[in-house]
Each structure stands twice: as C-alpha cells, then as structure tokens.
Amino acid sequence: MIDERPGVTVEPSVLRLTSGASGVLRVHVENSGSVDEEYAISVLGLDSRWVTVAPSRVLLCPGGHATSDILIALPSRPSPPAGRSIVGIKVASVRGLPSASRVEECQMEVALAESAALTVRPSIARGGGSGRFSVDIVNEGNGPIDLQLHGDDPESAVAFTFSPQRVQLAMSARASVHLRVAAPRPWSGAEPRRVFVVHTTGVADIPEVTATFVQRTGGSTALLWLAALLAATAIAALAMLVADILGL
C-alpha cells in the first residue's frame, strides 16, 4: 500500500529565540503520493498572531518538492515562558484526506528574560521616629525571579527593615512587602525630609524607586512635657509655702 503522506522536513530542529525577537523555520515538503496534491501548511502550539507562513499552500505533482518559510515573531510582553516547547508543523491535504497529511514536530527554545516592576506606597509618609511603606513587586519576565530588597539614603541616616527582604515570584505573580524606615528624631528645627531609594539584587536592570519620609520634630512635645513639669513643681512649691504660712 502506497504511503500517501507527504514527506516533511523542518530546519532547524531547535529554534532559539528571545522575547521580542523573530526566527524562521524552513519547511521542505515532498509529494510522496501518486496524484497531484495541494497542501496547506500551518503551525500548531503557537499563537497564530506570532506566525506568518509563506507560502501557506503548495501544489505538487507526484515526487515534487516545495519549500515554505515560517516566520515566528515573539512579542516582548507577554512573552511565552522561558524554556523549550514543542511546535507542530502541519502539512495537510486541502482535500481533507488524513492519509495525505502529516504533522512534523520541532522545538522552540525561549531564553530567560528576567524583569520586574517596583512601586513604593505611599510616595511620601510622615512619622516620628519611624514610618511605614509598602513595596509592590510584579514579575514582568518570562520565568520565575528570586530577588532581595535594599534601601539607601544619601545621609546613611535611615535604617530599613523589609518584611520579607527576599521575594520569590513565579511568572506574572505579584507580592507586597512591608517596609519600616527609622531615623534619629530631631528635637527642634525644620522637619527633615529623608529621601531614600529602594532597589534590588538578584535580578538585573530593575529601576530603583524613590520615596520620602518626613519626620516630625520632637521639640514641641518635649516643651509641653517640660512646661507641665515646671507647672507641677511650681504648684507644689506654692502649696508648701502656703502651708508654712498658715502654720505660723
């Protein structure tokens, strides 16, 4: 019995791409049947918006050969997950005969592209000796990320406590981290505006984010306590003086 299925060869066997890049698969088709056949060429396992087939149909006499180029253009975002996946190249008889069709497989390997977005809320917070913020992290890459959070200020006066400091996120996942900042509180003068940045290690090229901690001075509170103490001392002294006078 004659095998009517077309001969199909795909080059390369592994197509290596990065997010936002494109590559070409070359498909060689041979009519192994005994009659003229028109074949439709399509791609299985990929978003059709990423694929251009030229030509998408070939008409071959018995023993005839044709070549079709498949352009695969990956978007920058969202990108398919990093790693290898199976891509099917379907060469099907336009007459709809299963016996005159074939699916040949190849592999597509997408390189890991780590990326994340940081946001600090609120951008400005007021407090005394300490202030509280939230750091929102979104994994915008095509694979898992493992990063650590850090804070810096120009005067090295602020202490940073992230809960947690290490964050691990799957693709497209997000997390919110609590941030406590603390600095020595001045007793008087203008309220310090302590500008600081939050940045990461473990994932390259994540832009740092700036926020501000405005500290209330402790002078007004201290003066109130001092005035109250002086008033209490004065009242006690006056009471003792009155008692001495009445006792005479």
Protein backbone atom coordinates (compact mmCIF):
# COMPACT_ATOMS: atom_id res chain seq x y z
CA MET A 1 0.00 0.00 0.00
CA ILE A 2 1.40 3.35 -1.07
CA ASP A 3 2.05 5.85 1.75
CA GLU A 4 0.23 8.97 0.56
CA ARG A 5 1.52 11.14 3.39
CA PRO A 6 3.82 13.95 2.28
CA GLY A 7 7.47 13.95 3.22
CA VAL A 8 8.14 16.83 5.62
CA THR A 9 11.48 18.11 6.94
CA VAL A 10 11.82 21.12 9.27
CA GLU A 11 15.02 23.13 9.77
CA PRO A 12 16.33 23.86 12.32
CA SER A 13 15.18 21.15 14.71
CA VAL A 14 15.52 23.65 17.59
CA LEU A 15 14.64 27.32 17.03
CA ARG A 16 16.24 29.54 19.68
CA LEU A 17 14.60 32.92 20.33
CA THR A 18 14.48 35.74 22.85
CA SER A 19 11.45 37.80 23.83
CA GLY A 20 10.69 40.40 21.16
CA ALA A 21 12.83 38.61 18.55
CA SER A 22 11.94 36.56 15.47
CA GLY A 23 13.24 33.49 13.70
CA VAL A 24 12.49 31.37 10.65
CA LEU A 25 11.65 27.69 10.28
CA ARG A 26 12.19 26.27 6.81
CA VAL A 27 9.77 23.51 5.83
CA HIS A 28 10.58 21.14 2.95
CA VAL A 29 7.56 19.31 1.55
CA GLU A 30 7.58 16.35 -0.89
CA ASN A 31 4.53 14.80 -2.52
CA SER A 32 5.03 11.09 -1.84
CA GLY A 33 1.65 10.15 -3.34
CA SER A 34 0.59 9.09 -6.78
CA VAL A 35 -1.61 12.07 -7.70
CA ASP A 36 -1.24 15.82 -7.78
CA GLU A 37 -1.82 17.25 -4.30
CA GLU A 38 -2.26 20.70 -2.82
CA TYR A 39 -1.07 21.06 0.75
CA ALA A 40 -1.92 23.68 3.39
CA ILE A 41 0.92 24.46 5.84
CA SER A 42 0.11 25.64 9.37
CA VAL A 43 1.66 25.80 12.83
CA LEU A 44 0.31 24.07 15.95
CA GLY A 45 1.07 25.10 19.53
CA LEU A 46 1.70 28.83 18.98
CA ASP A 47 -0.46 31.93 18.97
CA SER A 48 -1.46 32.49 15.34
CA ARG A 49 -0.67 36.21 15.73
CA TRP A 50 3.00 35.33 16.09
CA VAL A 51 3.17 33.22 12.92
CA THR A 52 3.47 34.07 9.21
CA VAL A 53 3.67 31.21 6.68
CA ALA A 54 4.88 31.96 3.15
CA PRO A 55 3.66 30.31 1.06
CA SER A 56 0.87 28.79 3.14
CA ARG A 57 -0.16 26.47 0.27
CA VAL A 58 1.84 24.47 -2.26
CA LEU A 59 0.64 22.43 -5.25
CA LEU A 60 2.85 19.45 -6.05
CA CYS A 61 2.83 16.70 -8.64
CA PRO A 62 3.90 13.22 -7.53
CA GLY A 63 7.57 13.37 -6.45
CA GLY A 64 7.52 17.18 -6.49
CA HIS A 65 9.22 19.34 -3.85
CA ALA A 66 8.49 22.78 -2.37
CA THR A 67 9.83 24.94 0.44
CA SER A 68 7.89 27.21 2.78
CA ASP A 69 9.29 29.66 5.34
CA ILE A 70 7.58 30.12 8.68
CA LEU A 71 8.37 33.40 10.44
CA ILE A 72 7.85 33.28 14.21
CA ALA A 73 7.91 36.70 15.86
CA LEU A 74 7.62 36.67 19.66
CA PRO A 75 6.18 39.69 21.47
CA SER A 76 8.21 41.41 24.15
CA ARG A 77 5.24 41.23 26.53
CA PRO A 78 3.62 38.93 27.24
CA SER A 79 6.30 36.52 26.18
CA PRO A 80 5.93 32.75 26.14
CA PRO A 81 7.56 31.10 29.16
CA ALA A 82 11.30 30.57 29.11
CA GLY A 83 12.50 27.08 28.17
CA ARG A 84 11.74 24.55 25.46
CA SER A 85 8.34 23.74 23.99
CA ILE A 86 7.07 21.55 21.15
CA VAL A 87 5.88 23.20 17.93
CA GLY A 88 3.94 21.19 15.37
CA ILE A 89 4.20 21.85 11.63
CA LYS A 90 1.07 20.52 9.92
CA VAL A 91 1.12 19.78 6.21
CA ALA A 92 -2.42 18.77 5.27
CA SER A 93 -4.11 17.85 2.02
CA VAL A 94 -6.65 20.51 1.09
CA ARG A 95 -8.91 17.63 0.06
CA GLY A 96 -9.12 16.76 3.75
CA LEU A 97 -7.60 13.31 3.40
CA PRO A 98 -5.94 12.21 6.68
CA SER A 99 -3.90 9.70 4.72
CA ALA A 100 -2.34 12.57 2.74
CA SER A 101 -1.40 14.73 5.75
CA ARG A 102 1.44 14.81 8.25
CA VAL A 103 2.50 16.70 11.42
CA GLU A 104 6.21 17.14 11.98
CA GLU A 105 7.49 18.38 15.35
CA CYS A 106 10.35 20.67 16.21
CA GLN A 107 11.35 22.55 19.36
CA MET A 108 11.34 26.24 20.24
CA GLU A 109 13.66 27.43 23.00
CA VAL A 110 12.91 30.82 24.55
CA ALA A 111 15.70 32.46 26.54
CA LEU A 112 15.03 33.58 30.10
CA ALA A 113 14.33 37.32 30.33
CA GLU A 114 14.03 38.48 33.94
CA SER A 115 12.12 41.68 34.61
CA ALA A 116 10.14 43.18 37.47
CA ALA A 117 8.40 46.43 38.37
CA LEU A 118 8.66 48.11 41.78
CA THR A 119 6.26 50.61 43.36
CA VAL A 120 6.50 52.20 46.81
CA ARG A 121 3.28 53.29 48.55
CA PRO A 122 2.80 55.98 49.69
CA SER A 123 5.42 58.05 47.92
CA ILE A 124 5.56 60.37 50.97
CA ALA A 125 4.89 59.31 54.58
CA ARG A 126 5.06 61.29 57.84
CA GLY A 127 6.13 59.95 61.20
CA GLY A 128 8.16 60.49 64.30
CA GLY A 129 10.99 58.07 64.83
CA SER A 130 9.75 55.70 62.13
CA GLY A 131 7.48 55.44 59.10
CA ARG A 132 5.79 52.64 57.20
CA PHE A 133 5.58 51.93 53.48
CA SER A 134 4.57 49.08 51.16
CA VAL A 135 6.73 47.86 48.28
CA ASP A 136 4.73 46.27 45.46
CA ILE A 137 6.57 43.88 43.12
CA VAL A 138 5.26 42.48 39.83
CA ASN A 139 7.12 39.79 37.88
CA GLU A 140 7.04 41.01 34.28
CA GLY A 141 9.55 38.50 32.93
CA ASN A 142 9.03 35.12 31.30
CA GLY A 143 10.23 32.99 34.19
CA PRO A 144 10.49 32.88 37.98
CA ILE A 145 12.52 35.53 39.83
CA ASP A 146 14.38 35.50 43.14
CA LEU A 147 15.38 38.92 44.44
CA GLN A 148 16.29 40.82 47.60
CA LEU A 149 15.20 44.33 48.56
CA HIS A 150 17.53 47.04 49.84
CA GLY A 151 17.22 50.70 50.83
CA ASP A 152 19.67 53.61 50.71
CA ASP A 153 19.58 57.29 51.62
CA PRO A 154 22.22 59.96 50.87
CA GLU A 155 22.98 60.66 54.55
CA SER A 156 23.02 57.00 55.63
CA ALA A 157 20.73 58.07 58.49
CA VAL A 158 17.80 55.76 57.72
CA ALA A 159 17.52 52.13 58.81
CA PHE A 160 15.43 49.86 56.55
CA THR A 161 13.50 46.75 57.59
CA PHE A 162 11.78 44.75 54.82
CA SER A 163 9.29 42.03 55.76
CA PRO A 164 10.27 39.85 54.00
CA GLN A 165 13.51 41.01 52.41
CA ARG A 166 13.78 38.08 49.97
CA VAL A 167 10.98 37.66 47.42
CA GLN A 168 10.45 34.71 45.06
CA LEU A 169 7.78 35.07 42.39
CA ALA A 170 6.50 32.83 39.62
CA MET A 171 5.89 34.25 36.14
CA SER A 172 3.24 37.05 36.21
CA ALA A 173 2.92 36.83 40.01
CA ARG A 174 2.96 39.82 42.36
CA ALA A 175 3.68 40.50 46.03
CA SER A 176 3.51 43.31 48.58
CA VAL A 177 6.32 43.76 51.13
CA HIS A 178 6.10 45.81 54.33
CA LEU A 179 8.85 48.39 54.76
CA ARG A 180 9.66 50.15 58.04
CA VAL A 181 12.09 53.07 57.97
CA ALA A 182 13.60 54.63 61.10
CA ALA A 183 15.92 57.55 61.74
CA PRO A 184 17.07 59.66 64.73
CA ARG A 185 14.34 62.16 65.54
CA PRO A 186 15.48 65.80 65.88
CA TRP A 187 14.19 67.77 68.87
CA SER A 188 13.69 71.06 67.09
CA GLY A 189 14.04 72.87 63.79
CA ALA A 190 12.55 72.16 60.40
CA GLU A 191 11.07 68.74 59.72
CA PRO A 192 13.67 66.59 57.91
CA ARG A 193 12.65 65.21 54.51
CA ARG A 194 14.56 61.98 54.22
CA VAL A 195 14.56 60.93 50.57
CA PHE A 196 15.53 57.30 50.02
CA VAL A 197 15.61 54.71 47.24
CA VAL A 198 14.52 51.07 47.16
CA HIS A 199 16.49 48.79 44.84
CA THR A 200 17.03 45.08 44.29
CA THR A 201 19.73 42.48 43.88
CA GLY A 202 19.34 39.13 42.18
CA VAL A 203 17.57 40.47 39.07
CA ALA A 204 19.37 42.88 36.75
CA ASP A 205 18.06 46.15 35.30
CA ILE A 206 15.14 46.77 37.68
CA PRO A 207 14.81 50.57 38.06
CA GLU A 208 15.14 51.82 41.63
CA VAL A 209 12.20 53.65 43.20
CA THR A 210 12.33 56.86 45.27
CA ALA A 211 10.17 57.74 48.29
CA THR A 212 10.27 60.32 51.10
CA PHE A 213 9.99 60.03 54.89
CA VAL A 214 9.04 63.34 56.52
CA GLN A 215 9.93 63.36 60.24
CA ARG A 216 8.06 65.35 62.84
CA THR A 217 10.44 67.00 65.28
CA GLY A 218 10.17 66.06 68.96
CA GLY A 219 10.76 69.60 70.27
CA SER A 220 7.12 70.65 70.66
CA THR A 221 6.26 67.52 72.64
CA ALA A 222 9.31 67.91 74.83
CA LEU A 223 8.49 71.52 75.57
CA LEU A 224 4.96 70.59 76.59
CA TRP A 225 6.29 67.97 78.99
CA LEU A 226 8.81 70.45 80.38
CA ALA A 227 6.15 73.11 80.85
CA ALA A 228 3.88 70.65 82.61
CA LEU A 229 6.73 69.55 84.86
CA LEU A 230 7.61 73.15 85.73
CA ALA A 231 3.98 73.98 86.42
CA ALA A 232 3.62 70.95 88.70
CA THR A 233 6.81 71.88 90.54
CA ALA A 234 5.67 75.47 90.97
CA ILE A 235 2.26 74.40 92.32
CA ALA A 236 3.91 72.02 94.78
CA ALA A 237 6.29 74.75 95.98
CA LEU A 238 3.43 77.22 96.35
CA ALA A 239 1.42 74.71 98.33
CA MET A 240 4.31 74.13 100.71
CA LEU A 241 4.74 77.87 101.12
CA VAL A 242 1.06 78.38 101.94
CA ALA A 243 1.19 75.53 104.44
CA ASP A 244 4.19 77.06 106.16
CA ILE A 245 2.47 80.44 106.36
CA LEU A 246 -0.77 79.00 107.77
CA GLY A 247 1.22 77.02 110.29
CA LEU A 248 2.73 80.17 111.80
